[in-house]
Structure formats: structure tokens, C-alpha cells
N, C-alpha and C. Protein backbone atom coordinates (compact mmCIF):
# COMPACT_ATOMS: atom_id res chain seq x y z
N MET A 1 0.80 -1.16 0.12
CA MET A 1 -0.07 0.04 0.00
C MET A 1 0.84 1.13 -0.14
N ASN A 2 2.25 1.30 0.90
CA ASN A 2 2.74 2.10 0.72
C ASN A 2 3.41 2.68 -0.77
N GLY A 3 3.89 1.80 -1.68
CA GLY A 3 4.13 2.01 -2.90
C GLY A 3 3.03 2.89 -3.69
N LEU A 4 1.69 2.43 -3.55
CA LEU A 4 0.62 3.05 -3.98
C LEU A 4 0.47 4.54 -3.56
N PHE A 5 0.32 4.82 -2.26
CA PHE A 5 0.44 6.10 -1.62
C PHE A 5 1.62 6.79 -2.28
N ASP A 6 2.90 6.52 -2.31
CA ASP A 6 4.03 7.05 -2.73
C ASP A 6 4.14 7.43 -4.21
N PHE A 7 3.25 6.68 -4.89
CA PHE A 7 3.12 6.88 -6.44
C PHE A 7 2.08 8.13 -6.53
N PHE A 8 0.63 8.14 -5.94
CA PHE A 8 -0.04 9.39 -5.70
C PHE A 8 0.45 10.62 -5.32
N ALA A 9 1.27 10.45 -4.28
CA ALA A 9 1.78 11.49 -3.81
C ALA A 9 2.81 12.12 -4.74
N ARG A 10 3.77 11.42 -5.51
CA ARG A 10 4.59 12.08 -6.45
C ARG A 10 3.59 12.39 -7.58
N LEU A 11 2.84 11.75 -8.09
CA LEU A 11 1.66 12.29 -9.29
C LEU A 11 1.01 13.72 -8.76
N VAL A 12 0.57 13.73 -7.50
CA VAL A 12 -0.14 15.17 -6.95
C VAL A 12 1.14 16.25 -7.13
N ARG A 13 2.22 16.02 -6.61
CA ARG A 13 3.26 16.85 -6.34
C ARG A 13 3.72 17.46 -7.66
N GLY A 14 3.73 16.50 -8.91
CA GLY A 14 4.19 16.93 -10.00
C GLY A 14 3.09 17.66 -10.63
N LEU A 15 1.80 17.45 -10.71
CA LEU A 15 0.70 18.25 -11.06
C LEU A 15 0.86 19.79 -10.27
N LEU A 16 1.05 19.79 -9.27
CA LEU A 16 0.92 20.98 -8.30
C LEU A 16 1.89 21.84 -8.98
N LYS A 17 2.94 21.33 -9.32
CA LYS A 17 4.11 22.05 -9.71
C LYS A 17 4.23 22.44 -11.10
N LEU A 18 3.65 21.76 -11.82
CA LEU A 18 2.96 21.88 -13.34
C LEU A 18 2.22 23.08 -13.24
N VAL A 19 0.93 23.01 -12.45
CA VAL A 19 0.10 24.11 -12.36
C VAL A 19 0.83 25.38 -11.76
N LEU A 20 1.48 25.33 -10.81
CA LEU A 20 2.17 26.53 -10.36
C LEU A 20 3.21 27.13 -11.35
N GLY A 21 3.71 26.11 -11.94
CA GLY A 21 4.75 26.91 -13.31
C GLY A 21 4.16 27.25 -14.03
N VAL A 22 2.76 27.08 -14.61
CA VAL A 22 2.06 27.59 -15.29
C VAL A 22 1.65 28.58 -15.16
N ALA A 23 1.06 29.03 -13.88
CA ALA A 23 0.36 30.20 -13.20
C ALA A 23 1.42 31.21 -13.36
N ALA A 24 2.77 30.74 -12.89
CA ALA A 24 3.60 31.71 -12.57
C ALA A 24 4.08 32.02 -14.19
N LEU A 25 4.12 31.39 -15.31
CA LEU A 25 4.45 31.61 -16.78
C LEU A 25 3.12 32.90 -17.02
N VAL A 26 1.86 32.69 -16.76
CA VAL A 26 0.98 33.33 -17.06
C VAL A 26 1.21 34.76 -16.66
N PHE A 27 1.52 34.73 -15.28
CA PHE A 27 1.41 35.84 -14.18
C PHE A 27 2.93 37.00 -15.34
N VAL A 28 3.86 36.27 -15.43
CA VAL A 28 4.70 37.06 -16.05
C VAL A 28 4.55 37.50 -17.39
N LEU A 29 3.70 36.81 -18.21
CA LEU A 29 3.37 37.03 -19.56
C LEU A 29 2.44 38.16 -19.53
N SER A 30 1.67 38.10 -18.40
CA SER A 30 0.53 39.15 -18.24
C SER A 30 1.36 40.37 -18.00
N LEU A 31 2.30 40.42 -17.22
CA LEU A 31 3.13 41.84 -16.70
C LEU A 31 3.62 42.44 -17.87
N LEU A 32 4.48 41.44 -18.63
CA LEU A 32 4.89 41.87 -19.61
C LEU A 32 4.02 42.47 -20.80
N LEU A 33 2.79 42.03 -21.07
CA LEU A 33 1.87 42.56 -22.09
C LEU A 33 1.17 43.76 -21.34
N ALA A 34 0.91 43.76 -19.82
CA ALA A 34 0.66 45.04 -19.63
C ALA A 34 1.73 46.32 -19.77
N THR A 35 3.03 45.91 -19.48
CA THR A 35 3.95 46.72 -19.64
C THR A 35 4.24 47.28 -21.15
N LEU A 36 4.12 46.58 -21.87
CA LEU A 36 3.73 46.75 -23.50
C LEU A 36 2.72 47.73 -23.87
N VAL A 37 1.38 47.21 -23.22
CA VAL A 37 0.47 48.15 -23.72
C VAL A 37 0.83 49.87 -22.88
N VAL A 38 1.11 49.72 -21.63
CA VAL A 38 1.26 50.84 -21.06
C VAL A 38 2.73 52.01 -22.00
N VAL A 39 3.56 51.02 -22.45
CA VAL A 39 4.34 51.72 -23.11
C VAL A 39 3.83 51.99 -24.46
N LEU A 40 3.02 51.25 -25.02
CA LEU A 40 2.81 51.63 -26.34
C LEU A 40 1.63 53.25 -26.32
N GLY A 41 0.77 52.87 -25.05
CA GLY A 41 -0.13 54.09 -24.81
C GLY A 41 0.57 55.21 -24.24
N VAL A 42 1.70 55.44 -23.71
CA VAL A 42 2.91 56.54 -23.51
C VAL A 42 3.21 56.88 -24.75
N SER A 43 3.68 56.10 -25.51
CA SER A 43 4.30 56.61 -26.91
C SER A 43 3.12 57.02 -27.91
N LEU A 44 2.29 56.41 -28.04
CA LEU A 44 1.02 56.97 -28.72
C LEU A 44 0.86 58.73 -28.39
N TRP A 45 0.42 58.88 -26.73
CA TRP A 45 -0.12 59.86 -26.28
C TRP A 45 1.24 61.19 -26.46
N ALA A 46 2.45 60.47 -26.43
CA ALA A 46 3.44 61.81 -27.06
C ALA A 46 3.59 61.81 -28.53
N LEU A 47 3.22 60.92 -29.14
CA LEU A 47 3.19 61.60 -30.52
C LEU A 47 1.84 62.10 -30.80
N ILE A 48 0.51 62.19 -30.24
CA ILE A 48 -0.49 62.91 -30.32
C ILE A 48 -0.30 64.45 -29.93
N THR A 49 0.30 64.31 -28.61
CA THR A 49 0.43 65.66 -27.88
C THR A 49 1.60 66.39 -28.59
N GLY A 50 2.56 65.73 -29.07
CA GLY A 50 3.86 66.37 -29.36
C GLY A 50 5.30 66.67 -28.61
N ARG A 51 4.76 66.07 -27.24
CA ARG A 51 5.63 66.22 -26.26
C ARG A 51 6.37 64.73 -25.89
N LYS A 52 7.93 64.86 -25.57
CA LYS A 52 8.10 63.58 -25.09
C LYS A 52 7.75 62.80 -24.11
N PRO A 53 8.17 61.88 -23.56
CA PRO A 53 7.19 61.27 -22.39
C PRO A 53 8.17 61.34 -21.35
N ALA A 54 7.54 61.61 -20.12
CA ALA A 54 8.08 62.19 -19.03
C ALA A 54 9.43 61.63 -18.39
N PRO A 55 9.08 59.89 -18.70
CA PRO A 55 10.26 59.36 -18.30
C PRO A 55 11.81 59.49 -19.21
N PHE A 56 11.62 59.87 -20.28
CA PHE A 56 12.61 59.97 -21.24
C PHE A 56 13.23 61.68 -21.04
N VAL A 57 12.19 62.47 -20.73
CA VAL A 57 12.69 63.70 -20.09
C VAL A 57 13.76 63.78 -18.83
N VAL A 58 13.47 62.84 -18.27
CA VAL A 58 13.89 62.80 -16.67
C VAL A 58 15.64 62.08 -16.64
N PHE A 59 15.31 61.17 -17.60
CA PHE A 59 16.61 60.03 -18.15
C PHE A 59 17.46 61.48 -18.87
N ASN A 60 17.03 62.16 -19.72
CA ASN A 60 17.85 63.12 -20.43
C ASN A 60 18.63 63.95 -19.50
N ARG A 61 17.97 64.64 -18.66
CA ARG A 61 18.12 65.42 -17.37
C ARG A 61 19.30 65.00 -16.85
N PHE A 62 19.26 63.63 -16.23
CA PHE A 62 20.02 62.95 -15.34
C PHE A 62 21.36 62.78 -16.24
N ARG A 63 20.99 62.27 -17.68
CA ARG A 63 22.22 62.26 -18.28
C ARG A 63 23.20 63.42 -18.67
N GLN A 64 22.48 64.56 -18.97
CA GLN A 64 23.34 65.69 -19.02
C GLN A 64 23.80 66.40 -18.02
N THR A 65 23.42 66.17 -16.76
CA THR A 65 23.91 66.31 -15.56
C THR A 65 25.13 65.78 -15.23
N SER A 66 25.03 64.40 -15.67
CA SER A 66 26.36 63.70 -15.34
C SER A 66 27.37 63.91 -16.60
N HIS A 67 26.60 64.43 -17.58
CA HIS A 67 27.82 64.89 -18.83
C HIS A 67 28.78 66.16 -18.29
N ARG A 68 28.11 66.86 -17.30
CA ARG A 68 28.67 68.17 -17.00
C ARG A 68 29.75 68.12 -15.82
N TYR A 69 29.48 67.02 -15.06
CA TYR A 69 30.42 66.53 -14.13
C TYR A 69 31.34 65.55 -14.07
N THR A 70 31.03 64.36 -15.45
CA THR A 70 32.03 63.72 -15.52
C THR A 70 32.54 63.69 -17.28
N GLN A 71 34.00 63.96 -17.32
CA GLN A 71 34.22 64.16 -18.77
C GLN A 71 34.94 62.99 -19.31
N GLY A 72 34.56 62.50 -20.55
CA GLY A 72 35.65 61.51 -21.08
C GLY A 72 35.01 60.21 -20.75
N VAL A 73 33.95 60.09 -19.81
CA VAL A 73 33.39 58.64 -19.58
C VAL A 73 32.63 58.04 -20.33
N TRP A 74 31.35 58.83 -20.94
CA TRP A 74 30.30 58.55 -21.98
C TRP A 74 31.21 57.95 -23.25
N PRO A 75 30.37 57.11 -23.76
CA PRO A 75 31.17 56.58 -25.07
C PRO A 75 30.66 57.27 -26.38
N GLY A 76 31.41 57.42 -27.35
CA GLY A 76 31.66 58.66 -28.36
C GLY A 76 32.05 59.90 -28.00
N ARG A 77 32.36 60.07 -26.69
CA ARG A 77 33.44 61.26 -26.42
C ARG A 77 34.77 61.38 -26.70
N GLY A 78 35.32 62.06 -27.07
CA GLY A 78 36.61 62.03 -27.24
C GLY A 78 37.72 62.06 -25.93
N PRO A 79 38.69 62.28 -26.15
CA PRO A 79 39.93 62.29 -24.81
C PRO A 79 39.39 63.63 -23.63
N VAL A 80 39.72 63.70 -22.81
CA VAL A 80 39.35 64.88 -21.67
C VAL A 80 40.07 66.08 -22.24
N GLN A 81 39.21 67.41 -22.60
CA GLN A 81 39.63 68.39 -22.84
C GLN A 81 40.24 69.51 -21.76
N PRO A 82 40.79 69.85 -21.92
CA PRO A 82 41.35 70.94 -20.93
C PRO A 82 40.21 71.89 -20.21
N MET A 83 40.06 72.29 -19.26
CA MET A 83 38.88 73.55 -18.82
C MET A 83 39.38 74.73 -19.12
N GLY A 84 40.55 75.05 -19.28
CA GLY A 84 40.85 76.34 -19.39
C GLY A 84 42.14 77.08 -18.88
N ASP A 85 42.43 78.11 -18.95
CA ASP A 85 43.38 78.27 -17.96
C ASP A 85 43.27 78.72 -16.42
N VAL A 86 44.31 78.52 -15.99
CA VAL A 86 44.29 78.73 -14.18
C VAL A 86 44.76 79.91 -13.91
N VAL A 87 43.76 80.96 -13.51
CA VAL A 87 44.24 82.35 -13.09
C VAL A 87 44.46 82.47 -11.51
N ASP A 88 45.57 83.09 -11.05
CA ASP A 88 46.04 83.45 -9.89
C ASP A 88 45.53 84.55 -9.26
N VAL A 89 44.63 84.92 -8.55
CA VAL A 89 44.15 86.15 -8.05
C VAL A 89 44.71 86.17 -6.76
N GLN A 90 44.88 87.77 -6.29
CA GLN A 90 45.45 88.14 -4.97
C GLN A 90 44.33 87.96 -3.91
N ALA A 91 44.33 87.39 -2.92
CA ALA A 91 43.55 87.21 -1.80
C ALA A 91 43.57 88.24 -0.72
N HIS A 92 42.44 89.13 -0.49
CA HIS A 92 42.37 89.65 0.71
C HIS A 92 41.19 89.61 1.31
N GLU A 93 41.56 90.15 2.76
CA GLU A 93 40.37 90.13 3.79
C GLU A 93 39.41 90.87 3.85
N VAL A 94 38.11 90.28 4.17
CA VAL A 94 36.87 90.84 3.92
C VAL A 94 36.59 91.19 5.48
N PRO A 95 36.18 92.07 5.77
CA PRO A 95 35.92 92.55 7.44
C PRO A 95 34.48 91.32 7.91
N ASP A 96 34.27 91.05 8.97
CA ASP A 96 33.01 90.71 9.37
C ASP A 96 32.06 91.73 9.64
N ALA A 97 32.11 93.19 9.90
CA ALA A 97 31.02 94.15 10.06
C ALA A 97 31.41 95.34 9.28
N PRO A 98 30.73 95.47 8.50
CA PRO A 98 30.71 97.00 7.94
C PRO A 98 31.29 98.15 8.70
N THR A 99 32.44 99.11 8.15
CA THR A 99 32.29 100.13 8.68
C THR A 99 31.08 100.98 8.88
N PRO A 100 30.89 101.60 10.00
CA PRO A 100 29.93 102.54 10.05
C PRO A 100 30.25 103.79 9.38
N ARG A 101 29.36 104.43 8.80
CA ARG A 101 29.49 105.42 7.73
C ARG A 101 29.00 106.50 8.68
N ASP A 102 29.63 107.99 8.26
CA ASP A 102 29.18 109.14 8.86
C ASP A 102 28.33 109.67 7.96
N VAL A 103 26.93 109.32 8.51
CA VAL A 103 25.66 109.76 8.04
C VAL A 103 24.96 110.68 8.82
N THR A 104 24.40 112.02 8.54
CA THR A 104 23.80 112.95 9.31
C THR A 104 22.43 112.49 9.26
N PRO A 105 21.63 112.49 10.34
CA PRO A 105 20.17 111.90 10.44
C PRO A 105 19.06 112.83 9.62
N ARG A 106 18.45 112.39 8.92
CA ARG A 106 17.56 112.94 7.94
C ARG A 106 16.45 113.20 8.92
N SER A 107 15.68 114.29 8.32
CA SER A 107 14.17 114.58 9.00
C SER A 107 13.37 114.76 8.25
N GLY A 108 12.30 114.89 8.72
CA GLY A 108 10.85 115.11 7.46
C GLY A 108 10.39 114.21 7.18
N ASN A 109 9.84 113.95 5.97
CA ASN A 109 8.88 112.94 5.68
C ASN A 109 10.03 112.17 4.59
N ASP A 110 11.37 111.78 4.84
CA ASP A 110 12.12 111.34 3.86
C ASP A 110 11.93 109.81 4.24
N PRO A 111 11.62 108.83 3.29
CA PRO A 111 11.39 107.51 3.33
C PRO A 111 12.54 106.62 3.80
N MET A 112 13.86 107.15 3.27
CA MET A 112 15.13 106.43 3.65
C MET A 112 15.77 106.63 4.96
N ALA A 113 14.87 107.68 5.94
CA ALA A 113 15.58 108.10 7.02
C ALA A 113 15.22 106.92 8.23
N ARG A 114 14.34 106.07 8.32
CA ARG A 114 14.28 105.19 8.78
C ARG A 114 15.54 104.01 8.64
N VAL A 115 15.61 103.95 7.18
CA VAL A 115 16.61 102.83 6.63
C VAL A 115 18.09 102.73 7.15
N ILE A 116 18.69 104.27 7.03
CA ILE A 116 19.80 104.65 7.40
C ILE A 116 20.08 104.33 8.89
N ARG A 117 19.27 104.63 9.68
CA ARG A 117 19.86 105.05 11.16
C ARG A 117 19.82 103.61 11.92
């Protein structure tokens, strides 16, 4: 009797694996089909409105920003070009507080009287 039960147990396990495998395949194919429908819909909408799709625009912005900060890394670009001449400048100290100016108080209805005081 154990042989018969083992046979049916293996048969049920095999059928269960087959059913779950087919269900997983159907799920993956339906996910791919849904993705394809969304991509086609967004592409058609972009053609109708004349605008580029938002993910494409965002990707281009990231790519342009990375172009700005990395040079010579992207394919199709030549060797690294020099950025330009280096110019030395004379450094000078900037005081923390501005020096007080000799200002005579204004009177009357001058709108700048309150600002200068």
C-alpha cells in the first residue's frame, strides 16, 4: 500500500508543480503584456500631444547633468579636454562687520530716514 500512496503523492506533487509553473508563466506574460500596453499608450500619447514622455525627459536631464560633472566617461566622446587657463588672484581679507559711515540723521518725511538710522 505504501508504494501506491507514494505513487499518488509524487503524481499530485508533479501536477501541483506543473500548475504553479503555468500560473507563474501566465503571470509573467501578463505583466509583460501590461508593460507593453502602457509603453505603447505613452508613446502614442506623446505622438499625439507632440511632447516627449516624462521618463525620457527625466533620463535626459540625469544624463546631461552627469555629462557636466564627468568628462570622457561616456562612449563616443573624445579625450578629456582641458577646462581652460588657471588664473591666480590676490586674496584680500573681508571684514566681518561693515565700517560705520558718517551719516547725518535725516528729518522730515524722507522715506529713507528709517532705513539709514
